[in-house]
Amino acid sequence: MFPIGAAEFWLRGTPHITVAGLLAVLYLGLGASALAFYLWNRGLHFLPASIAAPFANLIPVVGLLLAILVGETVTAHQGAGGALVVLGVLAAQTQEARTNTGV
């Protein structure tokens, strides 16, 4: 990303950084990234990766739900995609449970 950032800096000059922009970057770095990675790795302490991995597919679904909460417009395609992801995670968990119980 450095070459692209350097080109933008060269073409547009020094960016104007606002307090809101700085807070957004801090939230993305600390809240959405660092905390999420910590919680994911903490969860792997209690669950095998084969059980936990399908839940990573729920990240866009959580984003979709948060978009609905803040009043964003959600299309039928997005809702259907979210439903398919949830069904896929449920199917993976059901298959994992059958594998572990020998059914």
Protein backbone atom coordinates (compact mmCIF):
# COMPACT_ATOMS: atom_id res chain seq x y z
CA MET A 1 0.00 0.00 0.00
CA PHE A 2 2.99 2.29 0.42
CA PRO A 3 3.39 3.04 -3.32
CA ILE A 4 -0.30 3.93 -3.65
CA GLY A 5 -0.19 6.08 -0.51
CA ALA A 6 2.97 7.81 -1.71
CA ALA A 7 1.38 8.51 -5.10
CA GLU A 8 -1.71 9.97 -3.47
CA PHE A 9 0.44 12.10 -1.17
CA TRP A 10 2.42 13.34 -4.19
CA LEU A 11 -0.68 14.08 -6.29
CA ARG A 12 -2.95 15.54 -3.61
CA GLY A 13 -0.60 16.78 -0.91
CA THR A 14 -0.88 16.39 2.84
CA PRO A 15 -4.23 14.93 3.90
CA HIS A 16 -6.51 16.87 6.23
CA ILE A 17 -7.02 14.68 9.29
CA THR A 18 -10.05 15.38 11.45
CA VAL A 19 -10.73 14.16 14.97
CA ALA A 20 -13.61 12.04 13.65
CA GLY A 21 -11.32 10.48 11.04
CA LEU A 22 -8.65 9.76 13.61
CA LEU A 23 -11.21 8.18 15.95
CA ALA A 24 -12.51 6.04 13.07
CA VAL A 25 -9.00 4.79 12.31
CA LEU A 26 -8.40 4.03 16.00
CA TYR A 27 -11.71 2.14 16.18
CA LEU A 28 -10.84 0.09 13.10
CA GLY A 29 -7.37 -0.67 14.40
CA LEU A 30 -8.19 -1.40 18.02
CA GLY A 31 -11.84 -2.41 18.08
CA ALA A 32 -12.52 -4.07 14.80
CA SER A 33 -9.10 -5.62 14.26
CA ALA A 34 -7.09 -6.12 17.45
CA LEU A 35 -10.06 -7.04 19.64
CA ALA A 36 -11.51 -9.34 16.99
CA PHE A 37 -8.20 -11.18 16.55
CA TYR A 38 -7.80 -11.50 20.31
CA LEU A 39 -11.31 -12.91 20.73
CA TRP A 40 -10.82 -15.29 17.80
CA ASN A 41 -7.59 -16.65 19.23
CA ARG A 42 -9.11 -16.86 22.70
CA GLY A 43 -11.95 -18.92 21.22
CA LEU A 44 -9.44 -21.26 19.59
CA HIS A 45 -8.14 -21.97 23.07
CA PHE A 46 -11.49 -23.60 23.90
CA LEU A 47 -12.53 -25.07 20.52
CA PRO A 48 -10.73 -26.99 17.79
CA ALA A 49 -10.06 -25.00 14.63
CA SER A 50 -12.30 -27.32 12.60
CA ILE A 51 -15.28 -26.27 14.72
CA ALA A 52 -14.41 -22.58 14.98
CA ALA A 53 -13.37 -21.95 11.35
CA PRO A 54 -16.85 -21.92 9.77
CA PHE A 55 -17.85 -19.08 12.10
CA ALA A 56 -15.43 -16.77 10.28
CA ASN A 57 -17.93 -16.85 7.41
CA LEU A 58 -20.38 -14.99 9.64
CA ILE A 59 -18.31 -11.79 9.53
CA PRO A 60 -20.24 -10.34 6.54
CA VAL A 61 -23.53 -11.41 8.14
CA VAL A 62 -22.66 -9.45 11.28
CA GLY A 63 -21.82 -6.49 9.05
CA LEU A 64 -25.20 -6.87 7.36
CA LEU A 65 -26.99 -6.93 10.71
CA LEU A 66 -25.10 -3.85 11.88
CA ALA A 67 -26.04 -2.09 8.63
CA ILE A 68 -29.70 -2.84 9.33
CA LEU A 69 -29.34 -1.49 12.88
CA VAL A 70 -27.99 1.85 11.65
CA GLY A 71 -30.69 2.19 9.00
CA GLU A 72 -28.81 1.22 5.85
CA THR A 73 -30.76 -0.16 2.92
CA VAL A 74 -30.35 -3.92 2.54
CA THR A 75 -31.31 -5.63 -0.70
CA ALA A 76 -33.03 -8.98 -1.05
CA HIS A 77 -29.84 -10.40 -2.57
CA GLN A 78 -27.85 -9.39 0.50
CA GLY A 79 -30.45 -10.88 2.82
CA ALA A 80 -30.53 -14.11 0.81
CA GLY A 81 -26.73 -14.26 0.82
CA GLY A 82 -26.67 -13.79 4.58
CA ALA A 83 -29.25 -16.54 5.02
CA LEU A 84 -27.19 -18.91 2.84
CA VAL A 85 -24.08 -18.20 4.91
CA VAL A 86 -25.95 -18.92 8.15
CA LEU A 87 -27.32 -22.15 6.68
CA GLY A 88 -23.81 -23.12 5.56
CA VAL A 89 -22.39 -22.57 9.02
CA LEU A 90 -25.22 -24.57 10.56
CA ALA A 91 -24.65 -27.38 8.05
CA ALA A 92 -20.92 -27.41 8.80
CA GLN A 93 -21.58 -27.59 12.53
CA THR A 94 -24.12 -30.38 12.07
CA GLN A 95 -21.64 -32.32 9.94
CA GLU A 96 -18.90 -31.77 12.52
CA ALA A 97 -21.21 -33.01 15.29
CA ARG A 98 -22.04 -36.14 13.28
CA THR A 99 -18.37 -36.80 12.63
CA ASN A 100 -17.48 -36.48 16.30
CA THR A 101 -20.35 -38.72 17.48
CA GLY A 102 -19.84 -41.37 14.83
CA VAL A 103 -23.34 -41.00 13.31
